[in-house]
Amino acid sequence: MTKNPSSPSQSRGRPVDAAAQELQKQKLMAAAFQLLNDKSYKSITIREIAELADTKSAMISYYFGNKSGLFVAMLKNEIKDMPQLLVAVKNADNPIKCFIEQFLQLATKNSAIIRFIHDEVLNQRSPLNDEFLNTMPKAISVFLPLLVEQEIQQGNFRRDLNAKYAAFTLMGMIMSPFVIEPIREQVWHISKQELAQPAWAEHIYQLFITGCK
């Protein structure tokens, strides 16, 4: 007996059309991202992701190999616009301040991913670790010191400043409030919404350039 093409069992399986397959992959990555807002990586199951994406668990294996492969793909998808963002920062009137503003926005939007990276990626050797370190962090480790060096050459920062150390310090100032989220919120009572405000970006900018001048 021939199955109805629109039957639920077939519609939740692998689509034949390439565009539909890409849409299904995007839905799986979006589901993984959404679940990270409420749960840890280890507690998220393949079944939960598939149900939220309205597909079958087997599709995760088919498209991504396994759960780890899905989260690697999700990380890459979330930072796919990074090259364009860095170009925009470089061309800004005040590149350092623009960098701070842009990365605070990214961190606020992706605080669940930052927690995931800290808890599950950076604290253990895994494919996730290698994939993440070789993408955004490596690109920033090249880009940001050059931005600081440019400020030194233009006479805006002091000549004896170590550009690499300064760049690393700036990343710490931007990212640490998101990494220590429970302490920030429960002890210091600083909300994520406050970190998204222009006043916080200005606060970091003034502290950083004061130390660099």
N, C-alpha and C. Protein backbone atom coordinates (compact mmCIF):
# COMPACT_ATOMS: atom_id res chain seq x y z
N MET A 1 0.85 -1.20 0.00
CA MET A 1 0.00 0.00 0.00
C MET A 1 0.88 1.24 0.00
N THR A 2 0.64 2.17 -0.90
CA THR A 2 1.46 3.38 -1.01
C THR A 2 1.13 4.37 0.09
N LYS A 3 2.17 4.93 0.73
CA LYS A 3 1.95 5.91 1.80
C LYS A 3 1.52 7.25 1.23
N ASN A 4 0.70 7.93 1.97
CA ASN A 4 0.31 9.29 1.61
C ASN A 4 1.51 10.20 1.76
N PRO A 5 1.91 10.98 0.72
CA PRO A 5 3.09 11.85 0.82
C PRO A 5 3.01 12.85 1.95
N SER A 6 1.79 13.19 2.36
CA SER A 6 1.65 14.20 3.41
C SER A 6 1.43 13.60 4.78
N SER A 7 1.60 12.28 4.90
CA SER A 7 1.39 11.64 6.19
C SER A 7 2.42 12.10 7.19
N PRO A 8 2.06 12.21 8.51
CA PRO A 8 2.98 12.73 9.53
C PRO A 8 4.30 11.99 9.59
N SER A 9 4.26 10.64 9.42
CA SER A 9 5.50 9.87 9.54
C SER A 9 6.50 10.24 8.47
N GLN A 10 6.00 10.58 7.26
CA GLN A 10 6.92 10.93 6.18
C GLN A 10 7.34 12.39 6.25
N SER A 11 6.41 13.27 6.65
CA SER A 11 6.72 14.69 6.69
C SER A 11 7.75 15.01 7.75
N ARG A 12 7.85 14.15 8.79
CA ARG A 12 8.82 14.39 9.85
C ARG A 12 10.14 13.71 9.56
N GLY A 13 10.24 13.01 8.44
CA GLY A 13 11.49 12.37 8.05
C GLY A 13 12.33 13.29 7.18
N ARG A 14 13.24 12.72 6.41
CA ARG A 14 14.14 13.52 5.57
C ARG A 14 13.41 13.97 4.30
N PRO A 15 13.33 15.30 4.09
CA PRO A 15 12.72 15.79 2.86
C PRO A 15 13.60 15.46 1.65
N VAL A 16 12.99 15.35 0.50
CA VAL A 16 13.73 15.09 -0.73
C VAL A 16 14.32 16.38 -1.28
N ASP A 17 13.59 17.45 -1.19
CA ASP A 17 14.01 18.74 -1.73
C ASP A 17 15.18 19.31 -0.92
N ALA A 18 16.21 19.83 -1.62
CA ALA A 18 17.41 20.35 -0.95
C ALA A 18 17.09 21.54 -0.06
N ALA A 19 16.21 22.42 -0.53
CA ALA A 19 15.84 23.60 0.26
C ALA A 19 15.11 23.17 1.53
N ALA A 20 14.25 22.17 1.40
CA ALA A 20 13.53 21.67 2.57
C ALA A 20 14.48 21.00 3.56
N GLN A 21 15.50 20.32 3.05
CA GLN A 21 16.50 19.72 3.93
C GLN A 21 17.26 20.79 4.70
N GLU A 22 17.63 21.86 4.01
CA GLU A 22 18.33 22.95 4.67
C GLU A 22 17.46 23.58 5.74
N LEU A 23 16.17 23.73 5.45
CA LEU A 23 15.24 24.28 6.43
C LEU A 23 15.15 23.37 7.65
N GLN A 24 15.14 22.07 7.42
CA GLN A 24 15.07 21.13 8.52
C GLN A 24 16.33 21.20 9.39
N LYS A 25 17.48 21.36 8.75
CA LYS A 25 18.74 21.52 9.51
C LYS A 25 18.70 22.79 10.36
N GLN A 26 18.20 23.88 9.77
CA GLN A 26 18.09 25.13 10.51
C GLN A 26 17.15 24.99 11.70
N LYS A 27 16.06 24.25 11.52
CA LYS A 27 15.11 24.04 12.61
C LYS A 27 15.74 23.24 13.74
N LEU A 28 16.57 22.27 13.40
CA LEU A 28 17.25 21.49 14.43
C LEU A 28 18.25 22.34 15.20
N MET A 29 19.00 23.18 14.49
CA MET A 29 19.95 24.06 15.17
C MET A 29 19.23 25.08 16.04
N ALA A 30 18.11 25.60 15.55
CA ALA A 30 17.33 26.55 16.33
C ALA A 30 16.76 25.90 17.59
N ALA A 31 16.35 24.64 17.47
CA ALA A 31 15.82 23.91 18.62
C ALA A 31 16.91 23.70 19.67
N ALA A 32 18.10 23.34 19.21
CA ALA A 32 19.23 23.15 20.13
C ALA A 32 19.56 24.45 20.85
N PHE A 33 19.55 25.55 20.12
CA PHE A 33 19.81 26.87 20.69
C PHE A 33 18.76 27.22 21.74
N GLN A 34 17.49 26.97 21.40
CA GLN A 34 16.40 27.31 22.31
C GLN A 34 16.48 26.51 23.61
N LEU A 35 16.80 25.23 23.51
CA LEU A 35 16.88 24.38 24.70
C LEU A 35 18.02 24.80 25.62
N LEU A 36 19.09 25.35 25.04
CA LEU A 36 20.23 25.80 25.85
C LEU A 36 19.85 26.93 26.80
N ASN A 37 18.79 27.66 26.49
CA ASN A 37 18.38 28.76 27.35
C ASN A 37 17.82 28.26 28.68
N ASP A 38 17.37 27.00 28.70
CA ASP A 38 16.73 26.47 29.91
C ASP A 38 17.45 25.28 30.51
N LYS A 39 18.33 24.63 29.72
CA LYS A 39 18.94 23.39 30.19
C LYS A 39 20.43 23.37 29.87
N SER A 40 21.15 22.48 30.55
CA SER A 40 22.57 22.30 30.24
C SER A 40 22.70 21.40 29.02
N TYR A 41 23.85 21.47 28.37
CA TYR A 41 24.12 20.64 27.19
C TYR A 41 23.95 19.16 27.51
N LYS A 42 24.49 18.73 28.65
CA LYS A 42 24.46 17.31 29.00
C LYS A 42 23.04 16.81 29.23
N SER A 43 22.16 17.68 29.72
CA SER A 43 20.80 17.24 30.04
C SER A 43 19.87 17.29 28.83
N ILE A 44 20.29 17.93 27.75
CA ILE A 44 19.47 18.00 26.53
C ILE A 44 19.58 16.67 25.78
N THR A 45 18.46 16.09 25.43
CA THR A 45 18.46 14.82 24.70
C THR A 45 18.18 15.04 23.22
N ILE A 46 18.63 14.09 22.43
CA ILE A 46 18.36 14.13 20.99
C ILE A 46 16.86 14.12 20.73
N ARG A 47 16.15 13.35 21.52
CA ARG A 47 14.70 13.27 21.35
C ARG A 47 14.04 14.63 21.58
N GLU A 48 14.47 15.36 22.61
CA GLU A 48 13.91 16.68 22.88
C GLU A 48 14.14 17.63 21.71
N ILE A 49 15.35 17.62 21.19
CA ILE A 49 15.69 18.49 20.06
C ILE A 49 14.81 18.17 18.87
N ALA A 50 14.68 16.90 18.55
CA ALA A 50 13.90 16.47 17.39
C ALA A 50 12.43 16.84 17.55
N GLU A 51 11.90 16.64 18.76
CA GLU A 51 10.49 16.97 18.99
C GLU A 51 10.24 18.46 18.85
N LEU A 52 11.15 19.27 19.37
CA LEU A 52 10.99 20.72 19.26
C LEU A 52 11.10 21.18 17.81
N ALA A 53 11.92 20.49 17.03
CA ALA A 53 12.08 20.82 15.61
C ALA A 53 11.03 20.14 14.73
N ASP A 54 10.15 19.35 15.36
CA ASP A 54 9.09 18.64 14.65
C ASP A 54 9.65 17.70 13.58
N THR A 55 10.63 16.92 13.99
CA THR A 55 11.20 15.93 13.07
C THR A 55 11.57 14.68 13.87
N LYS A 56 12.21 13.74 13.23
CA LYS A 56 12.61 12.50 13.89
C LYS A 56 14.04 12.59 14.42
N SER A 57 14.31 11.86 15.50
CA SER A 57 15.64 11.85 16.10
C SER A 57 16.71 11.41 15.10
N ALA A 58 16.34 10.51 14.18
CA ALA A 58 17.29 9.99 13.20
C ALA A 58 17.83 11.09 12.30
N MET A 59 17.10 12.19 12.17
CA MET A 59 17.55 13.28 11.30
C MET A 59 18.79 13.97 11.86
N ILE A 60 18.95 13.94 13.17
CA ILE A 60 20.16 14.52 13.77
C ILE A 60 21.38 13.71 13.36
N SER A 61 21.25 12.40 13.40
CA SER A 61 22.35 11.54 12.96
C SER A 61 22.62 11.71 11.47
N TYR A 62 21.55 11.83 10.70
CA TYR A 62 21.70 11.94 9.25
C TYR A 62 22.43 13.23 8.86
N TYR A 63 22.02 14.35 9.44
CA TYR A 63 22.58 15.65 9.05
C TYR A 63 23.90 15.98 9.76
N PHE A 64 24.00 15.59 11.04
CA PHE A 64 25.12 16.08 11.86
C PHE A 64 26.00 14.97 12.45
N GLY A 65 25.62 13.74 12.28
CA GLY A 65 26.40 12.63 12.82
C GLY A 65 25.98 12.24 14.21
N ASN A 66 25.88 13.23 15.11
CA ASN A 66 25.46 12.99 16.49
C ASN A 66 25.11 14.32 17.15
N LYS A 67 24.82 14.27 18.43
CA LYS A 67 24.46 15.47 19.17
C LYS A 67 25.59 16.49 19.18
N SER A 68 26.81 16.02 19.37
CA SER A 68 27.97 16.91 19.37
C SER A 68 28.11 17.62 18.02
N GLY A 69 27.91 16.88 16.94
CA GLY A 69 28.00 17.47 15.61
C GLY A 69 26.95 18.54 15.39
N LEU A 70 25.75 18.33 15.95
CA LEU A 70 24.69 19.33 15.84
C LEU A 70 25.08 20.62 16.55
N PHE A 71 25.66 20.50 17.74
CA PHE A 71 26.03 21.70 18.49
C PHE A 71 27.24 22.40 17.86
N VAL A 72 28.13 21.65 17.25
CA VAL A 72 29.22 22.27 16.49
C VAL A 72 28.65 23.11 15.35
N ALA A 73 27.69 22.52 14.63
CA ALA A 73 27.04 23.23 13.52
C ALA A 73 26.30 24.46 14.02
N MET A 74 25.67 24.33 15.18
CA MET A 74 24.95 25.48 15.75
C MET A 74 25.91 26.61 16.09
N LEU A 75 27.06 26.27 16.70
CA LEU A 75 28.05 27.30 17.02
C LEU A 75 28.53 28.02 15.76
N LYS A 76 28.83 27.25 14.73
CA LYS A 76 29.29 27.84 13.48
C LYS A 76 28.22 28.73 12.87
N ASN A 77 26.98 28.29 12.97
CA ASN A 77 25.87 29.07 12.42
C ASN A 77 25.71 30.40 13.15
N GLU A 78 25.91 30.38 14.47
CA GLU A 78 25.73 31.59 15.27
C GLU A 78 26.81 32.63 15.01
N ILE A 79 27.99 32.18 14.56
CA ILE A 79 29.08 33.14 14.35
C ILE A 79 29.43 33.30 12.87
N LYS A 80 28.52 32.89 12.01
CA LYS A 80 28.81 32.94 10.57
C LYS A 80 28.99 34.36 10.05
N ASP A 81 28.40 35.34 10.74
CA ASP A 81 28.51 36.73 10.29
C ASP A 81 29.69 37.47 10.91
N MET A 82 30.56 36.73 11.62
CA MET A 82 31.68 37.36 12.31
C MET A 82 32.61 38.14 11.37
N PRO A 83 32.98 37.62 10.20
CA PRO A 83 33.87 38.39 9.32
C PRO A 83 33.31 39.76 8.94
N GLN A 84 32.01 39.80 8.63
CA GLN A 84 31.39 41.09 8.28
C GLN A 84 31.37 42.03 9.47
N LEU A 85 31.15 41.47 10.66
CA LEU A 85 31.13 42.31 11.86
C LEU A 85 32.50 42.93 12.11
N LEU A 86 33.56 42.15 11.94
CA LEU A 86 34.91 42.67 12.16
C LEU A 86 35.27 43.74 11.14
N VAL A 87 34.80 43.58 9.91
CA VAL A 87 35.03 44.61 8.89
C VAL A 87 34.33 45.91 9.30
N ALA A 88 33.10 45.80 9.79
CA ALA A 88 32.35 46.98 10.22
C ALA A 88 33.05 47.67 11.38
N VAL A 89 33.60 46.89 12.31
CA VAL A 89 34.34 47.47 13.45
C VAL A 89 35.58 48.21 12.95
N LYS A 90 36.32 47.58 12.06
CA LYS A 90 37.55 48.19 11.54
C LYS A 90 37.28 49.52 10.86
N ASN A 91 36.13 49.63 10.18
CA ASN A 91 35.81 50.84 9.43
C ASN A 91 35.07 51.89 10.25
N ALA A 92 34.81 51.60 11.52
CA ALA A 92 34.07 52.54 12.37
C ALA A 92 34.94 53.74 12.73
N ASP A 93 34.29 54.85 13.09
CA ASP A 93 35.03 56.06 13.50
C ASP A 93 35.83 55.81 14.77
N ASN A 94 35.27 55.03 15.67
CA ASN A 94 35.97 54.66 16.91
C ASN A 94 35.95 53.14 17.01
N PRO A 95 36.93 52.46 16.41
CA PRO A 95 36.90 51.00 16.33
C PRO A 95 36.86 50.29 17.68
N ILE A 96 37.61 50.77 18.66
CA ILE A 96 37.64 50.12 19.96
C ILE A 96 36.27 50.17 20.62
N LYS A 97 35.65 51.34 20.61
CA LYS A 97 34.33 51.47 21.22
C LYS A 97 33.30 50.66 20.45
N CYS A 98 33.41 50.65 19.14
CA CYS A 98 32.49 49.86 18.30
C CYS A 98 32.64 48.38 18.61
N PHE A 99 33.88 47.92 18.79
CA PHE A 99 34.12 46.51 19.12
C PHE A 99 33.43 46.15 20.43
N ILE A 100 33.59 47.00 21.44
CA ILE A 100 32.97 46.75 22.74
C ILE A 100 31.45 46.67 22.60
N GLU A 101 30.87 47.63 21.91
CA GLU A 101 29.41 47.67 21.75
C GLU A 101 28.89 46.44 21.01
N GLN A 102 29.56 46.08 19.92
CA GLN A 102 29.11 44.95 19.11
C GLN A 102 29.20 43.63 19.87
N PHE A 103 30.28 43.43 20.62
CA PHE A 103 30.45 42.17 21.32
C PHE A 103 29.60 42.08 22.57
N LEU A 104 29.28 43.21 23.17
CA LEU A 104 28.32 43.18 24.27
C LEU A 104 26.94 42.79 23.76
N GLN A 105 26.57 43.28 22.59
CA GLN A 105 25.29 42.90 21.99
C GLN A 105 25.26 41.41 21.68
N LEU A 106 26.35 40.91 21.10
CA LEU A 106 26.43 39.48 20.79
C LEU A 106 26.33 38.62 22.05
N ALA A 107 27.07 39.04 23.07
CA ALA A 107 27.09 38.26 24.31
C ALA A 107 25.74 38.28 24.99
N THR A 108 25.05 39.42 24.98
CA THR A 108 23.73 39.52 25.59
C THR A 108 22.73 38.63 24.86
N LYS A 109 22.81 38.64 23.54
CA LYS A 109 21.90 37.83 22.73
C LYS A 109 22.18 36.34 22.90
N ASN A 110 23.45 35.99 23.11
CA ASN A 110 23.85 34.57 23.13
C ASN A 110 24.40 34.14 24.48
N SER A 111 23.83 34.65 25.57
CA SER A 111 24.35 34.34 26.90
C SER A 111 24.27 32.84 27.20
N ALA A 112 23.25 32.16 26.67
CA ALA A 112 23.14 30.71 26.89
C ALA A 112 24.28 29.97 26.21
N ILE A 113 24.67 30.44 25.03
CA ILE A 113 25.79 29.81 24.32
C ILE A 113 27.10 30.06 25.06
N ILE A 114 27.26 31.25 25.64
CA ILE A 114 28.47 31.55 26.40
C ILE A 114 28.58 30.61 27.60
N ARG A 115 27.46 30.40 28.28
CA ARG A 115 27.46 29.47 29.41
C ARG A 115 27.79 28.05 28.95
N PHE A 116 27.22 27.66 27.82
CA PHE A 116 27.49 26.34 27.24
C PHE A 116 28.97 26.20 26.89
N ILE A 117 29.55 27.22 26.26
CA ILE A 117 30.96 27.19 25.88
C ILE A 117 31.84 27.06 27.12
N HIS A 118 31.52 27.84 28.15
CA HIS A 118 32.32 27.80 29.37
C HIS A 118 32.22 26.44 30.07
N ASP A 119 30.99 25.91 30.18
CA ASP A 119 30.78 24.68 30.94
C ASP A 119 31.18 23.42 30.20
N GLU A 120 30.88 23.38 28.89
CA GLU A 120 31.01 22.12 28.17
C GLU A 120 32.13 22.08 27.14
N VAL A 121 32.55 23.25 26.66
CA VAL A 121 33.53 23.28 25.58
C VAL A 121 34.94 23.54 26.09
N LEU A 122 35.10 24.59 26.87
CA LEU A 122 36.45 25.00 27.27
C LEU A 122 37.03 24.17 28.40
N ASN A 123 36.19 23.48 29.15
CA ASN A 123 36.68 22.74 30.30
C ASN A 123 36.97 21.27 30.02
N GLN A 124 36.91 20.88 28.74
CA GLN A 124 37.24 19.50 28.40
C GLN A 124 37.66 19.40 26.94
N ARG A 125 38.48 18.39 26.66
CA ARG A 125 38.91 18.16 25.29
C ARG A 125 37.83 17.40 24.54
N SER A 126 37.37 17.97 23.43
CA SER A 126 36.32 17.33 22.65
C SER A 126 36.31 17.98 21.27
N PRO A 127 35.58 17.40 20.31
CA PRO A 127 35.43 18.05 19.00
C PRO A 127 34.86 19.46 19.12
N LEU A 128 33.98 19.66 20.11
CA LEU A 128 33.42 20.99 20.35
C LEU A 128 34.52 21.98 20.70
N ASN A 129 35.45 21.54 21.52
CA ASN A 129 36.55 22.39 21.95
C ASN A 129 37.38 22.87 20.76
N ASP A 130 37.80 21.92 19.94
CA ASP A 130 38.64 22.26 18.79
C ASP A 130 37.91 23.13 17.78
N GLU A 131 36.66 22.80 17.51
CA GLU A 131 35.87 23.56 16.53
C GLU A 131 35.68 24.99 16.99
N PHE A 132 35.39 25.17 18.28
CA PHE A 132 35.14 26.53 18.78
C PHE A 132 36.42 27.36 18.81
N LEU A 133 37.50 26.81 19.35
CA LEU A 133 38.74 27.57 19.48
C LEU A 133 39.30 28.01 18.13
N ASN A 134 39.04 27.23 17.09
CA ASN A 134 39.57 27.54 15.77
C ASN A 134 38.67 28.46 14.95
N THR A 135 37.60 28.96 15.56
CA THR A 135 36.71 29.86 14.83
C THR A 135 36.81 31.26 15.42
N MET A 136 35.81 31.69 16.16
CA MET A 136 35.76 33.05 16.66
C MET A 136 36.94 33.45 17.55
N PRO A 137 37.32 32.66 18.57
CA PRO A 137 38.44 33.09 19.42
C PRO A 137 39.74 33.32 18.64
N LYS A 138 40.04 32.44 17.71
CA LYS A 138 41.28 32.60 16.94
C LYS A 138 41.23 33.86 16.07
N ALA A 139 40.07 34.11 15.45
CA ALA A 139 39.93 35.29 14.60
C ALA A 139 40.10 36.57 15.43
N ILE A 140 39.52 36.59 16.62
CA ILE A 140 39.63 37.78 17.48
C ILE A 140 41.05 37.95 18.00
N SER A 141 41.74 36.83 18.28
CA SER A 141 43.11 36.92 18.79
C SER A 141 44.06 37.52 17.77
N VAL A 142 43.68 37.48 16.51
CA VAL A 142 44.47 38.13 15.45
C VAL A 142 43.99 39.57 15.24
N PHE A 143 42.69 39.74 15.19
CA PHE A 143 42.10 41.03 14.83
C PHE A 143 42.29 42.09 15.92
N LEU A 144 41.98 41.76 17.17
CA LEU A 144 41.95 42.78 18.22
C LEU A 144 43.33 43.35 18.56
N PRO A 145 44.39 42.54 18.67
CA PRO A 145 45.71 43.15 18.89
C PRO A 145 46.11 44.12 17.78
N LEU A 146 45.73 43.82 16.54
CA LEU A 146 46.03 44.74 15.44
C LEU A 146 45.28 46.05 15.60
N LEU A 147 44.05 45.96 16.13
CA LEU A 147 43.27 47.16 16.38
C LEU A 147 43.93 48.01 17.47
N VAL A 148 44.42 47.36 18.51
CA VAL A 148 45.12 48.08 19.58
C VAL A 148 46.42 48.67 19.06
N GLU A 149 47.15 47.90 18.26
CA GLU A 149 48.41 48.38 17.68
C GLU A 149 48.18 49.61 16.82
N GLN A 150 47.07 49.63 16.11
CA GLN A 150 46.72 50.78 15.29
C GLN A 150 46.54 52.03 16.16
N GLU A 151 45.91 51.86 17.31
CA GLU A 151 45.73 52.98 18.24
C GLU A 151 47.08 53.45 18.78
N ILE A 152 47.99 52.51 19.00
CA ILE A 152 49.34 52.88 19.47
C ILE A 152 50.06 53.70 18.40
N GLN A 153 50.02 53.23 17.17
CA GLN A 153 50.69 53.91 16.07
C GLN A 153 50.12 55.30 15.81
N GLN A 154 48.83 55.46 16.08
CA GLN A 154 48.19 56.76 15.88
C GLN A 154 48.39 57.71 17.05
N GLY A 155 49.07 57.23 18.10
CA GLY A 155 49.37 58.07 19.26
C GLY A 155 48.24 58.14 20.27
N ASN A 156 47.22 57.30 20.11
CA ASN A 156 46.09 57.32 21.03
C ASN A 156 46.37 56.51 22.29
N PHE A 157 47.23 55.49 22.18
CA PHE A 157 47.63 54.67 23.32
C PHE A 157 49.13 54.82 23.53
N ARG A 158 49.58 54.54 24.74
CA ARG A 158 50.99 54.73 25.06
C ARG A 158 51.86 53.73 24.29
N ARG A 159 53.09 54.14 24.01
CA ARG A 159 54.00 53.37 23.16
C ARG A 159 54.45 52.06 23.79
N ASP A 160 54.51 52.01 25.12
CA ASP A 160 55.02 50.81 25.77
C ASP A 160 53.93 49.76 26.01
N LEU A 161 52.74 50.03 25.52
CA LEU A 161 51.63 49.11 25.73
C LEU A 161 51.82 47.81 24.93
N ASN A 162 51.61 46.67 25.57
CA ASN A 162 51.65 45.38 24.89
C ASN A 162 50.27 45.15 24.26
N ALA A 163 50.22 45.20 22.93
CA ALA A 163 48.94 45.14 22.22
C ALA A 163 48.20 43.82 22.49
N LYS A 164 48.93 42.73 22.53
CA LYS A 164 48.29 41.43 22.77
C LYS A 164 47.71 41.35 24.17
N TYR A 165 48.48 41.80 25.17
CA TYR A 165 47.99 41.77 26.55
C TYR A 165 46.76 42.67 26.69
N ALA A 166 46.82 43.85 26.09
CA ALA A 166 45.71 44.80 26.19
C ALA A 166 44.45 44.22 25.54
N ALA A 167 44.61 43.59 24.38
CA ALA A 167 43.47 43.00 23.68
C ALA A 167 42.85 41.87 24.50
N PHE A 168 43.70 41.03 25.08
CA PHE A 168 43.20 39.94 25.91
C PHE A 168 42.45 40.48 27.13
N THR A 169 42.99 41.53 27.74
CA THR A 169 42.34 42.15 28.89
C THR A 169 40.98 42.70 28.51
N LEU A 170 40.88 43.33 27.35
CA LEU A 170 39.60 43.88 26.90
C LEU A 170 38.57 42.77 26.72
N MET A 171 38.96 41.64 26.13
CA MET A 171 38.02 40.53 25.97
C MET A 171 37.55 40.02 27.32
N GLY A 172 38.45 40.00 28.30
CA GLY A 172 38.06 39.58 29.65
C GLY A 172 37.05 40.53 30.26
N MET A 173 37.26 41.83 30.05
CA MET A 173 36.32 42.82 30.58
C MET A 173 34.93 42.67 29.96
N ILE A 174 34.90 42.33 28.69
CA ILE A 174 33.61 42.18 28.00
C ILE A 174 32.91 40.89 28.40
N MET A 175 33.65 39.77 28.42
CA MET A 175 33.03 38.46 28.54
C MET A 175 32.84 37.97 29.97
N SER A 176 33.68 38.38 30.91
CA SER A 176 33.61 37.81 32.25
C SER A 176 32.26 37.99 32.94
N PRO A 177 31.55 39.12 32.78
CA PRO A 177 30.23 39.23 33.43
C PRO A 177 29.23 38.17 32.95
N PHE A 178 29.40 37.69 31.72
CA PHE A 178 28.50 36.67 31.20
C PHE A 178 28.92 35.27 31.67
N VAL A 179 30.22 35.07 31.82
CA VAL A 179 30.73 33.77 32.26
C VAL A 179 30.36 33.51 33.72
N ILE A 180 30.42 34.54 34.55
CA ILE A 180 30.09 34.39 35.98
C ILE A 180 28.67 34.91 36.25
N GLU A 181 27.77 34.55 35.39
CA GLU A 181 26.38 35.05 35.46
C GLU A 181 25.73 34.89 36.83
N PRO A 182 25.81 33.72 37.49
CA PRO A 182 25.14 33.58 38.79
C PRO A 182 25.67 34.57 39.83
N ILE A 183 26.99 34.76 39.87
CA ILE A 183 27.58 35.70 40.82
C ILE A 183 27.15 37.12 40.48
N ARG A 184 27.20 37.45 39.20
CA ARG A 184 26.80 38.81 38.77
C ARG A 184 25.36 39.12 39.16
N GLU A 185 24.47 38.18 38.94
CA GLU A 185 23.05 38.44 39.19
C GLU A 185 22.66 38.30 40.66
N GLN A 186 23.16 37.25 41.33
CA GLN A 186 22.70 36.96 42.68
C GLN A 186 23.47 37.71 43.76
N VAL A 187 24.73 38.05 43.49
CA VAL A 187 25.55 38.74 44.49
C VAL A 187 25.66 40.23 44.20
N TRP A 188 25.98 40.55 42.93
CA TRP A 188 26.16 41.95 42.57
C TRP A 188 24.87 42.61 42.08
N HIS A 189 23.87 41.80 41.80
CA HIS A 189 22.56 42.31 41.36
C HIS A 189 22.68 43.20 40.12
N ILE A 190 23.45 42.72 39.18
CA ILE A 190 23.57 43.39 37.89
C ILE A 190 22.91 42.48 36.85
N SER A 191 21.87 42.96 36.22
CA SER A 191 21.08 42.13 35.31
C SER A 191 21.70 42.09 33.92
N LYS A 192 21.27 41.11 33.14
CA LYS A 192 21.71 41.03 31.75
C LYS A 192 21.24 42.24 30.96
N GLN A 193 20.08 42.77 31.33
CA GLN A 193 19.56 43.95 30.66
C GLN A 193 20.48 45.16 30.86
N GLU A 194 21.08 45.26 32.04
CA GLU A 194 22.02 46.35 32.30
C GLU A 194 23.25 46.24 31.41
N LEU A 195 23.70 45.02 31.15
CA LEU A 195 24.88 44.82 30.31
C LEU A 195 24.61 45.20 28.86
N ALA A 196 23.33 45.25 28.48
CA ALA A 196 22.97 45.61 27.12
C ALA A 196 22.82 47.11 26.93
N GLN A 197 22.91 47.86 28.02
CA GLN A 197 22.71 49.30 27.94
C GLN A 197 23.98 50.03 27.48
N PRO A 198 23.83 51.17 26.78
CA PRO A 198 25.01 51.95 26.35
C PRO A 198 25.91 52.34 27.52
N ALA A 199 25.32 52.54 28.71
CA ALA A 199 26.12 52.95 29.87
C ALA A 199 27.17 51.90 30.23
N TRP A 200 26.85 50.60 30.06
CA TRP A 200 27.83 49.55 30.39
C TRP A 200 28.96 49.54 29.36
N ALA A 201 28.62 49.70 28.10
CA ALA A 201 29.65 49.76 27.05
C ALA A 201 30.56 50.96 27.29
N GLU A 202 29.99 52.08 27.67
CA GLU A 202 30.78 53.28 27.94
C GLU A 202 31.68 53.06 29.16
N HIS A 203 31.16 52.38 30.16
CA HIS A 203 31.92 52.07 31.37
C HIS A 203 33.17 51.26 31.02
N ILE A 204 33.02 50.21 30.25
CA ILE A 204 34.16 49.38 29.85
C ILE A 204 35.13 50.19 29.00
N TYR A 205 34.59 50.94 28.06
CA TYR A 205 35.43 51.73 27.15
C TYR A 205 36.30 52.71 27.93
N GLN A 206 35.71 53.44 28.86
CA GLN A 206 36.46 54.45 29.61
C GLN A 206 37.54 53.80 30.48
N LEU A 207 37.20 52.68 31.13
CA LEU A 207 38.21 51.99 31.94
C LEU A 207 39.37 51.50 31.09
N PHE A 208 39.03 50.95 29.91
CA PHE A 208 40.08 50.39 29.05
C PHE A 208 41.00 51.47 28.50
N ILE A 209 40.43 52.51 27.91
CA ILE A 209 41.29 53.52 27.29
C ILE A 209 42.06 54.32 28.33
N THR A 210 41.52 54.46 29.54
CA THR A 210 42.25 55.16 30.62
C THR A 210 43.52 54.38 30.96
N GLY A 211 43.40 53.04 30.98
CA GLY A 211 44.56 52.22 31.26
C GLY A 211 45.56 52.19 30.13
N CYS A 212 45.08 52.42 28.90
CA CYS A 212 45.94 52.34 27.72
C CYS A 212 46.64 53.67 27.39
N LYS A 213 46.11 54.75 27.89
CA LYS A 213 46.69 56.05 27.53
C LYS A 213 47.88 56.40 28.41
